[in-house]
Structure formats: structure tokens, C-alpha cells
Amino acid sequence: MKKLLYLFLLLFHQFFYAQSAKKNIPCYDLNTVLKVQPTILYLPHLEASRSFKVKLLENASHVQKYINKGKFHTVKKKGKGYCVQKLDYSRAYLVSKAKTTLENIGTKFSKETKGQLFTVSSLTRTLEDQCRLRRVNSNASLGISSHNYGNSFDISYVRFNNVLKNNPKLEASLEKVLKHYADLGRIYYIKERQQSCFHVTVRNY
């Protein structure tokens, strides 16, 4: 009986130790992530991100560090011209200039469309967040993303006023606003077909 009890405790300890060790191992390999080369189209987004002097965000503690320093600011769930959807794989924080730019885009969109709302579908993302996202979405970036620096966000072009539906008129109005800020040298943006969103990166203007 004692031997069985001892064996049970030994197996329980090994299982608990294995689970604890597993939790401490990142779900991504940093060397692999760093080796992935960005496309020519995406490279300006990464260069703009690095200009904010934010180091690559690997996990939640890195994000908290920049919050504590006053470098990252909370993005409200709703503002003039925009709302933020429930975030499962990103965090509602941005550097100051990105937050202000998002608010300006929202205000201009609201004015252009007489009070309509666009939806922000993603904001700041750590490498761990990205890894979790890749488990449910194979299209998620394997390499470094500009989301990993706190100055990028995604805007859905199929969800306006909290309604998931194609709306060519509002989509065109949204892209017109984005083009306005891109022409001013404030942002870069890419229309992502697979994700049905505009990927927006704020420049350090």
C-alpha cells in the first residue's frame, strides 16, 4: 500500500513539475521570429515602429513596464467615430502619438460620415499574444509585427456601427480618411484582404 501511495505521489509531482515548466517556456522561438524577413511593403511599418524607442514586446510584463513609465496609454472602448471590439489577442494600449492619431482618424471619419463608427479590431500585441493568435489563425504573422511596438492598430472594413456587414460606401469613406493621414506623413496603412482590415502604423511625425 505504501509503495502504491509513494508511486502516486511521485507521478503527481512529476506531472505538476512538467506542467509548471511548460508554463514558463515561451510558445515562440525568438531566434525563429527574428529570422523572418519582412516584405518590402511591410518594412516601412517596422522602421516607423522602432523609431518610438520601444523594445520588442515579448510578454505582458514588457507592456506593463511601458505603462508604468507612462509610455503606453489606454485606448477607450469607444470614442468619437470609433469603437474597440472585444480583444482576445491584443491589448488596448498605444504610444501617445498613436492614440492621438487614432482619435483624430475617428473624429474625421465621424465628420465625413455624419456620426458613423468604425471598429478597431486589434491594437498592441506581444509575441506571446501573437503566438496564441497563430494557434487559431494561421494567417497571423510568424515574424515581428509592428503591433509588437505599441504604435499599430487594425481597423475592420467589414464592421461599422457594430454590425458585421460589407458596406462599400463606409469602407470607401474610411480609406479616404486613411489616405488623407498617409498623405500628411502621419501613417502607413495596408489593406489586408485575409483579415478584412486596414493595418495602420503611426509614424513618429
C-alpha atoms as a PDB file:
ATOM      1  CA  MET A   1       0.000   0.000   0.000  1.00  0.00           C
ATOM      2  CA  LYS A   2       2.822   2.378   0.957  1.00  0.00           C
ATOM      3  CA  LYS A   3       4.552   1.624  -2.341  1.00  0.00           C
ATOM      4  CA  LEU A   4       1.400   2.493  -4.278  1.00  0.00           C
ATOM      5  CA  LEU A   5       0.999   5.728  -2.325  1.00  0.00           C
ATOM      6  CA  TYR A   6       4.647   6.608  -2.911  1.00  0.00           C
ATOM      7  CA  LEU A   7       4.291   5.868  -6.639  1.00  0.00           C
ATOM      8  CA  PHE A   8       1.155   8.002  -6.851  1.00  0.00           C
ATOM      9  CA  LEU A   9       2.861  10.945  -5.120  1.00  0.00           C
ATOM     10  CA  LEU A  10       5.900  10.581  -7.367  1.00  0.00           C
ATOM     11  CA  LEU A  11       3.782  10.606 -10.536  1.00  0.00           C
ATOM     12  CA  PHE A  12       1.740  13.554  -9.253  1.00  0.00           C
ATOM     13  CA  HIS A  13       4.921  15.512  -8.511  1.00  0.00           C
ATOM     14  CA  GLN A  14       6.374  14.779 -11.955  1.00  0.00           C
ATOM     15  CA  PHE A  15       3.135  15.820 -13.659  1.00  0.00           C
ATOM     16  CA  PHE A  16       2.894  19.043 -11.625  1.00  0.00           C
ATOM     17  CA  TYR A  17       6.550  19.867 -12.306  1.00  0.00           C
ATOM     18  CA  ALA A  18       6.139  19.231 -16.046  1.00  0.00           C
ATOM     19  CA  GLN A  19       3.060  21.474 -16.193  1.00  0.00           C
ATOM     20  CA  SER A  20       4.831  24.242 -14.281  1.00  0.00           C
ATOM     21  CA  ALA A  21       7.868  24.024 -16.529  1.00  0.00           C
ATOM     22  CA  LYS A  22       5.641  24.102 -19.591  1.00  0.00           C
ATOM     23  CA  LYS A  23       4.031  27.350 -18.413  1.00  0.00           C
ATOM     24  CA  ASN A  24       7.437  29.009 -18.132  1.00  0.00           C
ATOM     25  CA  ILE A  25       8.508  28.095 -21.672  1.00  0.00           C
ATOM     26  CA  PRO A  26       7.538  30.710 -24.288  1.00  0.00           C
ATOM     27  CA  CYS A  27       5.278  29.381 -27.032  1.00  0.00           C
ATOM     28  CA  TYR A  28       7.530  31.008 -29.632  1.00  0.00           C
ATOM     29  CA  ASP A  29      11.191  30.734 -30.532  1.00  0.00           C
ATOM     30  CA  LEU A  30      12.723  34.207 -30.554  1.00  0.00           C
ATOM     31  CA  ASN A  31      15.528  33.240 -32.932  1.00  0.00           C
ATOM     32  CA  THR A  32      12.997  31.911 -35.431  1.00  0.00           C
ATOM     33  CA  VAL A  33      10.876  35.058 -35.114  1.00  0.00           C
ATOM     34  CA  LEU A  34      13.878  37.322 -35.707  1.00  0.00           C
ATOM     35  CA  LYS A  35      14.928  35.385 -38.817  1.00  0.00           C
ATOM     36  CA  VAL A  36      11.652  36.025 -40.659  1.00  0.00           C
ATOM     37  CA  GLN A  37      12.246  38.737 -43.260  1.00  0.00           C
ATOM     38  CA  PRO A  38       9.524  41.387 -43.692  1.00  0.00           C
ATOM     39  CA  THR A  39       8.159  42.169 -47.139  1.00  0.00           C
ATOM     40  CA  ILE A  40       9.220  45.380 -48.887  1.00  0.00           C
ATOM     41  CA  LEU A  41       5.684  46.701 -48.339  1.00  0.00           C
ATOM     42  CA  TYR A  42       5.822  45.980 -44.611  1.00  0.00           C
ATOM     43  CA  LEU A  43       9.366  47.184 -43.912  1.00  0.00           C
ATOM     44  CA  PRO A  44       8.415  50.901 -43.505  1.00  0.00           C
ATOM     45  CA  HIS A  45       5.919  49.875 -40.810  1.00  0.00           C
ATOM     46  CA  LEU A  46       8.656  48.197 -38.770  1.00  0.00           C
ATOM     47  CA  GLU A  47      11.069  51.090 -39.268  1.00  0.00           C
ATOM     48  CA  ALA A  48       8.397  53.532 -38.081  1.00  0.00           C
ATOM     49  CA  SER A  49       7.674  51.334 -35.050  1.00  0.00           C
ATOM     50  CA  ARG A  50      11.291  51.189 -33.932  1.00  0.00           C
ATOM     51  CA  SER A  51      11.578  54.980 -34.059  1.00  0.00           C
ATOM     52  CA  PHE A  52       9.423  55.231 -30.904  1.00  0.00           C
ATOM     53  CA  LYS A  53      12.225  53.694 -28.794  1.00  0.00           C
ATOM     54  CA  VAL A  54      10.032  50.824 -27.611  1.00  0.00           C
ATOM     55  CA  LYS A  55      11.779  47.465 -27.410  1.00  0.00           C
ATOM     56  CA  LEU A  56      10.185  44.378 -28.920  1.00  0.00           C
ATOM     57  CA  LEU A  57       7.279  43.403 -26.650  1.00  0.00           C
ATOM     58  CA  GLU A  58       7.647  39.753 -25.765  1.00  0.00           C
ATOM     59  CA  ASN A  59       5.127  39.374 -22.940  1.00  0.00           C
ATOM     60  CA  ALA A  60       2.684  41.126 -20.605  1.00  0.00           C
ATOM     61  CA  SER A  61       5.405  42.274 -18.204  1.00  0.00           C
ATOM     62  CA  HIS A  62       7.095  44.211 -21.030  1.00  0.00           C
ATOM     63  CA  VAL A  63       3.809  46.001 -21.742  1.00  0.00           C
ATOM     64  CA  GLN A  64       3.354  46.775 -18.038  1.00  0.00           C
ATOM     65  CA  LYS A  65       6.834  48.260 -17.891  1.00  0.00           C
ATOM     66  CA  TYR A  66       5.920  50.844 -20.542  1.00  0.00           C
ATOM     67  CA  ILE A  67       2.590  51.532 -18.861  1.00  0.00           C
ATOM     68  CA  ASN A  68       4.407  52.229 -15.589  1.00  0.00           C
ATOM     69  CA  LYS A  69       6.791  54.561 -17.401  1.00  0.00           C
ATOM     70  CA  GLY A  70       3.864  56.493 -18.887  1.00  0.00           C
ATOM     71  CA  LYS A  71       4.891  55.476 -22.405  1.00  0.00           C
ATOM     72  CA  PHE A  72       1.734  53.456 -23.153  1.00  0.00           C
ATOM     73  CA  HIS A  73      -1.741  54.934 -22.793  1.00  0.00           C
ATOM     74  CA  THR A  74      -5.116  53.209 -22.513  1.00  0.00           C
ATOM     75  CA  VAL A  75      -7.378  53.338 -25.565  1.00  0.00           C
ATOM     76  CA  LYS A  76     -11.006  53.767 -24.532  1.00  0.00           C
ATOM     77  CA  LYS A  77     -13.555  51.203 -25.702  1.00  0.00           C
ATOM     78  CA  LYS A  78     -15.424  53.930 -27.534  1.00  0.00           C
ATOM     79  CA  GLY A  79     -14.504  57.350 -28.885  1.00  0.00           C
ATOM     80  CA  LYS A  80     -15.775  59.762 -31.485  1.00  0.00           C
ATOM     81  CA  GLY A  81     -16.076  57.828 -34.746  1.00  0.00           C
ATOM     82  CA  TYR A  82     -14.744  54.508 -33.464  1.00  0.00           C
ATOM     83  CA  CYS A  83     -15.239  51.638 -31.029  1.00  0.00           C
ATOM     84  CA  VAL A  84     -12.891  48.843 -29.958  1.00  0.00           C
ATOM     85  CA  GLN A  85     -14.149  45.278 -30.260  1.00  0.00           C
ATOM     86  CA  LYS A  86     -13.519  42.672 -27.559  1.00  0.00           C
ATOM     87  CA  LEU A  87      -9.791  41.973 -27.643  1.00  0.00           C
ATOM     88  CA  ASP A  88      -8.673  38.368 -27.165  1.00  0.00           C
ATOM     89  CA  TYR A  89      -5.212  38.572 -28.716  1.00  0.00           C
ATOM     90  CA  SER A  90      -4.124  42.187 -28.244  1.00  0.00           C
ATOM     91  CA  ARG A  91      -4.140  44.923 -25.604  1.00  0.00           C
ATOM     92  CA  ALA A  92      -5.845  48.330 -25.589  1.00  0.00           C
ATOM     93  CA  TYR A  93      -2.678  50.397 -25.239  1.00  0.00           C
ATOM     94  CA  LEU A  94      -0.772  52.620 -27.648  1.00  0.00           C
ATOM     95  CA  VAL A  95       2.054  55.119 -27.502  1.00  0.00           C
ATOM     96  CA  SER A  96       0.774  58.675 -27.125  1.00  0.00           C
ATOM     97  CA  LYS A  97       1.139  59.697 -30.773  1.00  0.00           C
ATOM     98  CA  ALA A  98      -0.630  56.548 -31.999  1.00  0.00           C
ATOM     99  CA  LYS A  99      -3.519  57.042 -29.555  1.00  0.00           C
ATOM    100  CA  THR A 100      -3.926  60.677 -30.647  1.00  0.00           C
ATOM    101  CA  THR A 101      -3.779  59.704 -34.324  1.00  0.00           C
ATOM    102  CA  LEU A 102      -6.426  57.005 -33.850  1.00  0.00           C
ATOM    103  CA  GLU A 103      -8.670  59.563 -32.159  1.00  0.00           C
ATOM    104  CA  ASN A 104      -8.079  62.059 -34.977  1.00  0.00           C
ATOM    105  CA  ILE A 105      -8.913  59.417 -37.599  1.00  0.00           C
ATOM    106  CA  GLY A 106     -12.107  58.612 -35.693  1.00  0.00           C
ATOM    107  CA  THR A 107     -13.116  62.269 -35.442  1.00  0.00           C
ATOM    108  CA  LYS A 108     -12.543  62.886 -39.139  1.00  0.00           C
ATOM    109  CA  PHE A 109     -14.384  59.688 -40.106  1.00  0.00           C
ATOM    110  CA  SER A 110     -17.340  60.704 -37.923  1.00  0.00           C
ATOM    111  CA  LYS A 111     -17.447  64.120 -39.561  1.00  0.00           C
ATOM    112  CA  GLU A 112     -17.205  62.670 -43.076  1.00  0.00           C
ATOM    113  CA  THR A 113     -19.964  60.105 -42.429  1.00  0.00           C
ATOM    114  CA  LYS A 114     -22.244  62.120 -40.146  1.00  0.00           C
ATOM    115  CA  GLY A 115     -21.627  60.156 -36.970  1.00  0.00           C
ATOM    116  CA  GLN A 116     -20.845  56.612 -38.159  1.00  0.00           C
ATOM    117  CA  LEU A 117     -18.455  54.334 -36.243  1.00  0.00           C
ATOM    118  CA  PHE A 118     -15.634  52.114 -37.491  1.00  0.00           C
ATOM    119  CA  THR A 119     -14.325  49.180 -35.456  1.00  0.00           C
ATOM    120  CA  VAL A 120     -10.776  48.770 -34.147  1.00  0.00           C
ATOM    121  CA  SER A 121     -10.121  45.025 -34.185  1.00  0.00           C
ATOM    122  CA  SER A 122      -6.572  44.848 -32.838  1.00  0.00           C
ATOM    123  CA  LEU A 123      -4.037  47.034 -31.033  1.00  0.00           C
ATOM    124  CA  THR A 124      -0.764  46.352 -29.218  1.00  0.00           C
ATOM    125  CA  ARG A 125       0.290  42.721 -29.308  1.00  0.00           C
ATOM    126  CA  THR A 126       3.143  40.863 -27.600  1.00  0.00           C
ATOM    127  CA  LEU A 127       4.994  37.936 -29.145  1.00  0.00           C
ATOM    128  CA  GLU A 128       3.110  35.674 -26.740  1.00  0.00           C
ATOM    129  CA  ASP A 129      -0.212  37.172 -27.889  1.00  0.00           C
ATOM    130  CA  GLN A 130       0.881  36.648 -31.481  1.00  0.00           C
ATOM    131  CA  CYS A 131       1.755  33.042 -30.775  1.00  0.00           C
ATOM    132  CA  ARG A 132      -1.672  32.402 -29.232  1.00  0.00           C
ATOM    133  CA  LEU A 133      -3.325  34.080 -32.206  1.00  0.00           C
ATOM    134  CA  ARG A 134      -1.412  31.879 -34.645  1.00  0.00           C
ATOM    135  CA  ARG A 135      -2.910  28.801 -32.994  1.00  0.00           C
ATOM    136  CA  VAL A 136      -6.373  29.890 -34.161  1.00  0.00           C
ATOM    137  CA  ASN A 137      -5.397  31.897 -37.243  1.00  0.00           C
ATOM    138  CA  SER A 138      -2.641  30.555 -39.481  1.00  0.00           C
ATOM    139  CA  ASN A 139      -2.514  33.894 -41.320  1.00  0.00           C
ATOM    140  CA  ALA A 140      -1.141  35.671 -38.253  1.00  0.00           C
ATOM    141  CA  SER A 141       2.426  36.876 -38.621  1.00  0.00           C
ATOM    142  CA  LEU A 142       5.199  34.420 -37.730  1.00  0.00           C
ATOM    143  CA  GLY A 143       7.829  37.154 -37.643  1.00  0.00           C
ATOM    144  CA  ILE A 144       7.968  40.515 -35.932  1.00  0.00           C
ATOM    145  CA  SER A 145       4.867  42.660 -36.305  1.00  0.00           C
ATOM    146  CA  SER A 146       4.579  46.423 -35.934  1.00  0.00           C
ATOM    147  CA  HIS A 147       1.877  45.570 -33.361  1.00  0.00           C
ATOM    148  CA  ASN A 148       4.790  44.443 -31.166  1.00  0.00           C
ATOM    149  CA  TYR A 149       5.867  48.044 -30.561  1.00  0.00           C
ATOM    150  CA  GLY A 150       2.656  49.775 -29.484  1.00  0.00           C
ATOM    151  CA  ASN A 151       2.073  52.070 -32.452  1.00  0.00           C
ATOM    152  CA  SER A 152      -0.090  49.953 -34.778  1.00  0.00           C
ATOM    153  CA  PHE A 153      -3.760  49.073 -34.867  1.00  0.00           C
ATOM    154  CA  ASP A 154      -6.174  47.318 -37.220  1.00  0.00           C
ATOM    155  CA  ILE A 155      -9.467  48.787 -38.419  1.00  0.00           C
ATOM    156  CA  SER A 156     -12.085  46.421 -39.814  1.00  0.00           C
ATOM    157  CA  TYR A 157     -13.565  47.395 -43.169  1.00  0.00           C
ATOM    158  CA  VAL A 158     -16.464  44.965 -42.829  1.00  0.00           C
ATOM    159  CA  ARG A 159     -17.759  46.080 -39.416  1.00  0.00           C
ATOM    160  CA  PHE A 160     -19.294  49.519 -38.963  1.00  0.00           C
ATOM    161  CA  ASN A 161     -21.604  50.628 -36.134  1.00  0.00           C
ATOM    162  CA  ASN A 162     -21.047  47.212 -34.506  1.00  0.00           C
ATOM    163  CA  VAL A 163     -22.633  45.459 -37.483  1.00  0.00           C
ATOM    164  CA  LEU A 164     -20.665  42.815 -39.410  1.00  0.00           C
ATOM    165  CA  LYS A 165     -21.657  43.545 -42.987  1.00  0.00           C
ATOM    166  CA  ASN A 166     -19.990  44.748 -46.175  1.00  0.00           C
ATOM    167  CA  ASN A 167     -20.621  48.448 -46.606  1.00  0.00           C
ATOM    168  CA  PRO A 168     -18.741  49.723 -49.682  1.00  0.00           C
ATOM    169  CA  LYS A 169     -19.731  53.338 -49.022  1.00  0.00           C
ATOM    170  CA  LEU A 170     -18.376  53.435 -45.453  1.00  0.00           C
ATOM    171  CA  GLU A 171     -15.342  51.374 -46.486  1.00  0.00           C
ATOM    172  CA  ALA A 172     -14.522  53.982 -49.150  1.00  0.00           C
ATOM    173  CA  SER A 173     -15.018  56.801 -46.617  1.00  0.00           C
ATOM    174  CA  LEU A 174     -12.674  55.076 -44.171  1.00  0.00           C
ATOM    175  CA  GLU A 175      -9.962  54.560 -46.781  1.00  0.00           C
ATOM    176  CA  LYS A 176     -10.320  58.190 -47.870  1.00  0.00           C
ATOM    177  CA  VAL A 177      -9.601  59.291 -44.287  1.00  0.00           C
ATOM    178  CA  LEU A 178      -6.632  56.927 -44.011  1.00  0.00           C
ATOM    179  CA  LYS A 179      -5.232  58.184 -47.314  1.00  0.00           C
ATOM    180  CA  HIS A 180      -5.549  61.751 -46.010  1.00  0.00           C
ATOM    181  CA  TYR A 181      -3.344  60.956 -43.000  1.00  0.00           C
ATOM    182  CA  ALA A 182      -0.956  58.874 -45.104  1.00  0.00           C
ATOM    183  CA  ASP A 183      -0.516  61.825 -47.487  1.00  0.00           C
ATOM    184  CA  LEU A 184       0.249  64.046 -44.470  1.00  0.00           C
ATOM    185  CA  GLY A 185       3.041  61.643 -43.491  1.00  0.00           C
ATOM    186  CA  ARG A 186       1.271  60.609 -40.273  1.00  0.00           C
ATOM    187  CA  ILE A 187       0.624  56.926 -41.004  1.00  0.00           C
ATOM    188  CA  TYR A 188       1.314  53.944 -43.224  1.00  0.00           C
ATOM    189  CA  TYR A 189      -1.544  51.596 -43.974  1.00  0.00           C
ATOM    190  CA  ILE A 190      -2.085  48.295 -45.765  1.00  0.00           C
ATOM    191  CA  LYS A 191      -5.398  46.785 -46.810  1.00  0.00           C
ATOM    192  CA  GLU A 192      -5.262  43.199 -45.571  1.00  0.00           C
ATOM    193  CA  ARG A 193      -7.595  41.020 -47.634  1.00  0.00           C
ATOM    194  CA  GLN A 194      -7.419  37.866 -45.495  1.00  0.00           C
ATOM    195  CA  GLN A 195      -8.079  39.719 -42.245  1.00  0.00           C
ATOM    196  CA  SER A 196     -10.632  42.165 -43.740  1.00  0.00           C
ATOM    197  CA  CYS A 197      -8.931  45.096 -42.087  1.00  0.00           C
ATOM    198  CA  PHE A 198      -6.695  48.092 -42.678  1.00  0.00           C
ATOM    199  CA  HIS A 199      -3.414  47.624 -40.850  1.00  0.00           C
ATOM    200  CA  VAL A 200      -2.400  51.109 -39.675  1.00  0.00           C
ATOM    201  CA  THR A 201       1.019  52.066 -38.355  1.00  0.00           C
ATOM    202  CA  VAL A 202       1.536  55.531 -36.913  1.00  0.00           C
ATOM    203  CA  ARG A 203       4.762  57.274 -37.881  1.00  0.00           C
ATOM    204  CA  ASN A 204       6.853  59.283 -35.429  1.00  0.00           C
ATOM    205  CA  TYR A 205       5.983  62.602 -37.089  1.00  0.00           C
END
